[in-house]
C-alpha atoms as a PDB file:
ATOM      1  CA  UNK A   1      11.122  15.270   4.874  1.00  0.00           C
ATOM      2  CA  UNK A   2       9.760  11.718   4.763  1.00  0.00           C
ATOM      3  CA  UNK A   3       6.281  11.374   3.267  1.00  0.00           C
ATOM      4  CA  UNK A   4       3.397  10.079   5.343  1.00  0.00           C
ATOM      5  CA  UNK A   5       1.166   7.249   4.146  1.00  0.00           C
ATOM      6  CA  UNK A   6      -2.596   7.818   4.264  1.00  0.00           C
ATOM      7  CA  UNK A   7      -4.772   5.160   5.890  1.00  0.00           C
ATOM      8  CA  UNK A   8      -8.326   4.943   7.176  1.00  0.00           C
ATOM      9  CA  UNK A   9      -8.419   5.085  10.965  1.00  0.00           C
ATOM     10  CA  UNK A  10     -10.914   3.032  12.976  1.00  0.00           C
ATOM     11  CA  UNK A  11     -13.102   6.147  13.371  1.00  0.00           C
ATOM     12  CA  UNK A  12     -13.330   6.530   9.574  1.00  0.00           C
ATOM     13  CA  UNK A  13     -11.054   9.572   9.424  1.00  0.00           C
ATOM     14  CA  UNK A  14      -7.851   9.708   7.395  1.00  0.00           C
ATOM     15  CA  UNK A  15      -4.799   9.020   9.531  1.00  0.00           C
ATOM     16  CA  UNK A  16      -1.162   9.226   8.499  1.00  0.00           C
ATOM     17  CA  UNK A  17       1.770   7.005   9.338  1.00  0.00           C
ATOM     18  CA  UNK A  18       5.463   6.770   8.569  1.00  0.00           C
ATOM     19  CA  UNK A  19       5.404   3.005   8.991  1.00  0.00           C
ATOM     20  CA  UNK A  20       5.803   1.140   5.742  1.00  0.00           C
ATOM     21  CA  UNK A  21       5.239  -2.453   6.838  1.00  0.00           C
ATOM     22  CA  UNK A  22       2.111  -3.237   4.854  1.00  0.00           C
ATOM     23  CA  UNK A  23      -0.060  -6.344   4.714  1.00  0.00           C
ATOM     24  CA  UNK A  24      -2.722  -7.726   2.402  1.00  0.00           C
ATOM     25  CA  UNK A  25      -5.812  -9.143   4.118  1.00  0.00           C
ATOM     26  CA  UNK A  26      -7.758 -12.189   2.905  1.00  0.00           C
ATOM     27  CA  UNK A  27     -10.057 -10.054   0.749  1.00  0.00           C
ATOM     28  CA  UNK A  28      -7.141  -8.286  -0.969  1.00  0.00           C
ATOM     29  CA  UNK A  29      -7.179  -4.969   0.930  1.00  0.00           C
ATOM     30  CA  UNK A  30      -3.793  -3.380   1.543  1.00  0.00           C
ATOM     31  CA  UNK A  31      -3.437  -2.580   5.262  1.00  0.00           C
ATOM     32  CA  UNK A  32      -0.962  -1.137   7.715  1.00  0.00           C
ATOM     33  CA  UNK A  33       0.480  -3.507  10.325  1.00  0.00           C
ATOM     34  CA  UNK A  34      -2.115  -2.061  12.728  1.00  0.00           C
ATOM     35  CA  UNK A  35      -4.986  -3.136  10.462  1.00  0.00           C
ATOM     36  CA  UNK A  36      -5.826   0.283   8.994  1.00  0.00           C
ATOM     37  CA  UNK A  37      -6.796   0.242   5.311  1.00  0.00           C
ATOM     38  CA  UNK A  38      -4.230   1.999   3.104  1.00  0.00           C
ATOM     39  CA  UNK A  39      -5.820   4.697   0.958  1.00  0.00           C
ATOM     40  CA  UNK A  40      -4.970   5.319  -2.665  1.00  0.00           C
ATOM     41  CA  UNK A  41      -4.508   8.668  -4.355  1.00  0.00           C
ATOM     42  CA  UNK A  42      -7.930  10.277  -4.543  1.00  0.00           C
ATOM     43  CA  UNK A  43      -9.229   8.225  -1.598  1.00  0.00           C
ATOM     44  CA  UNK A  44     -10.658   4.759  -1.335  1.00  0.00           C
ATOM     45  CA  UNK A  45      -8.905   1.536  -0.404  1.00  0.00           C
ATOM     46  CA  UNK A  46      -6.219  -0.189  -2.420  1.00  0.00           C
ATOM     47  CA  UNK A  47      -7.159  -3.720  -3.404  1.00  0.00           C
ATOM     48  CA  UNK A  48      -4.915  -6.284  -5.006  1.00  0.00           C
ATOM     49  CA  UNK A  49      -5.804  -9.636  -6.551  1.00  0.00           C
ATOM     50  CA  UNK A  50      -5.502 -12.526  -4.091  1.00  0.00           C
ATOM     51  CA  UNK A  51      -2.604 -14.912  -4.736  1.00  0.00           C
ATOM     52  CA  UNK A  52      -0.330 -12.509  -6.600  1.00  0.00           C
ATOM     53  CA  UNK A  53       3.183 -11.344  -5.868  1.00  0.00           C
ATOM     54  CA  UNK A  54       2.928  -7.722  -4.791  1.00  0.00           C
ATOM     55  CA  UNK A  55       5.580  -5.083  -5.424  1.00  0.00           C
ATOM     56  CA  UNK A  56       5.807  -1.428  -4.539  1.00  0.00           C
ATOM     57  CA  UNK A  57       7.968   0.495  -6.987  1.00  0.00           C
ATOM     58  CA  UNK A  58      10.400   3.304  -6.167  1.00  0.00           C
ATOM     59  CA  UNK A  59       7.696   5.875  -6.902  1.00  0.00           C
ATOM     60  CA  UNK A  60       5.270   4.074  -4.565  1.00  0.00           C
ATOM     61  CA  UNK A  61       3.066   2.448  -7.211  1.00  0.00           C
ATOM     62  CA  UNK A  62       1.570  -0.893  -6.158  1.00  0.00           C
ATOM     63  CA  UNK A  63       1.804  -3.610  -8.827  1.00  0.00           C
ATOM     64  CA  UNK A  64       0.863  -7.294  -8.879  1.00  0.00           C
ATOM     65  CA  UNK A  65       2.452 -10.184 -10.766  1.00  0.00           C
ATOM     66  CA  UNK A  66       0.847 -13.595 -11.271  1.00  0.00           C
ATOM     67  CA  UNK A  67       3.331 -16.162  -9.876  1.00  0.00           C
ATOM     68  CA  UNK A  68       2.090 -18.667 -12.479  1.00  0.00           C
ATOM     69  CA  UNK A  69       3.137 -16.236 -15.245  1.00  0.00           C
ATOM     70  CA  UNK A  70       6.151 -14.412 -13.785  1.00  0.00           C
ATOM     71  CA  UNK A  71       7.282 -13.142 -17.191  1.00  0.00           C
ATOM     72  CA  UNK A  72       3.967 -11.382 -17.850  1.00  0.00           C
ATOM     73  CA  UNK A  73       4.034  -7.624 -17.253  1.00  0.00           C
ATOM     74  CA  UNK A  74       2.899  -6.597 -13.769  1.00  0.00           C
ATOM     75  CA  UNK A  75      -0.633  -5.324 -13.290  1.00  0.00           C
ATOM     76  CA  UNK A  76      -0.997  -1.772 -11.966  1.00  0.00           C
ATOM     77  CA  UNK A  77      -3.061  -1.793  -8.775  1.00  0.00           C
ATOM     78  CA  UNK A  78      -2.905   1.748  -7.459  1.00  0.00           C
ATOM     79  CA  UNK A  79      -0.622   4.323  -5.930  1.00  0.00           C
ATOM     80  CA  UNK A  80      -1.048   5.005  -2.199  1.00  0.00           C
ATOM     81  CA  UNK A  81      -1.865   8.482  -0.937  1.00  0.00           C
ATOM     82  CA  UNK A  82       1.299  10.104   0.371  1.00  0.00           C
ATOM     83  CA  UNK A  83       1.504  13.569   1.921  1.00  0.00           C
ATOM     84  CA  UNK A  84       3.839  15.707   3.965  1.00  0.00           C
ATOM     85  CA  UNK A  85       3.252  16.697   7.592  1.00  0.00           C
ATOM     86  CA  UNK A  86       1.064  19.618   6.490  1.00  0.00           C
ATOM     87  CA  UNK A  87      -1.219  17.411   4.363  1.00  0.00           C
ATOM     88  CA  UNK A  88       0.165  18.402   0.964  1.00  0.00           C
ATOM     89  CA  UNK A  89       0.404  15.512  -1.540  1.00  0.00           C
ATOM     90  CA  UNK A  90       3.881  14.043  -1.735  1.00  0.00           C
ATOM     91  CA  UNK A  91       5.655  11.276  -3.672  1.00  0.00           C
ATOM     92  CA  UNK A  92       7.067   8.110  -2.161  1.00  0.00           C
ATOM     93  CA  UNK A  93      10.530   8.244  -0.651  1.00  0.00           C
ATOM     94  CA  UNK A  94      13.174   6.035  -2.250  1.00  0.00           C
ATOM     95  CA  UNK A  95      10.788   3.102  -2.477  1.00  0.00           C
ATOM     96  CA  UNK A  96      11.270   2.286   1.193  1.00  0.00           C
ATOM     97  CA  UNK A  97       7.941   0.588   1.651  1.00  0.00           C
ATOM     98  CA  UNK A  98       7.871  -2.962   2.977  1.00  0.00           C
ATOM     99  CA  UNK A  99       5.181  -5.504   2.200  1.00  0.00           C
ATOM    100  CA  UNK A 100       4.345  -8.853   3.716  1.00  0.00           C
ATOM    101  CA  UNK A 101       1.235 -11.018   3.218  1.00  0.00           C
ATOM    102  CA  UNK A 102      -0.844 -11.288   6.399  1.00  0.00           C
ATOM    103  CA  UNK A 103      -0.560 -15.080   6.287  1.00  0.00           C
ATOM    104  CA  UNK A 104       3.220 -14.763   6.647  1.00  0.00           C
ATOM    105  CA  UNK A 105       2.801 -12.943   9.971  1.00  0.00           C
ATOM    106  CA  UNK A 106       0.694 -15.655  11.591  1.00  0.00           C
END
């Protein structure tokens, strides 16, 4: 079973999606393509430093690398909240999460 990604719906409730095309807004919040803020494990939004190269590892962990210092170790940002269809916490699935900066979509 594919895990679901937790995000904050427009009504403030937690919503879940299978979509993995994620964006970073101008303030550094990780969002779904529909503009819902991606939630980290334990709740709360995932923020990443502006201007970094973002990666999502096979286990779903979000990391950031400074493009000016590409050989420096990546900075841990946070792991998104994943669950199964019944709401039980779940790990990422084969690292199949896509990421694209919002600016690239405009």
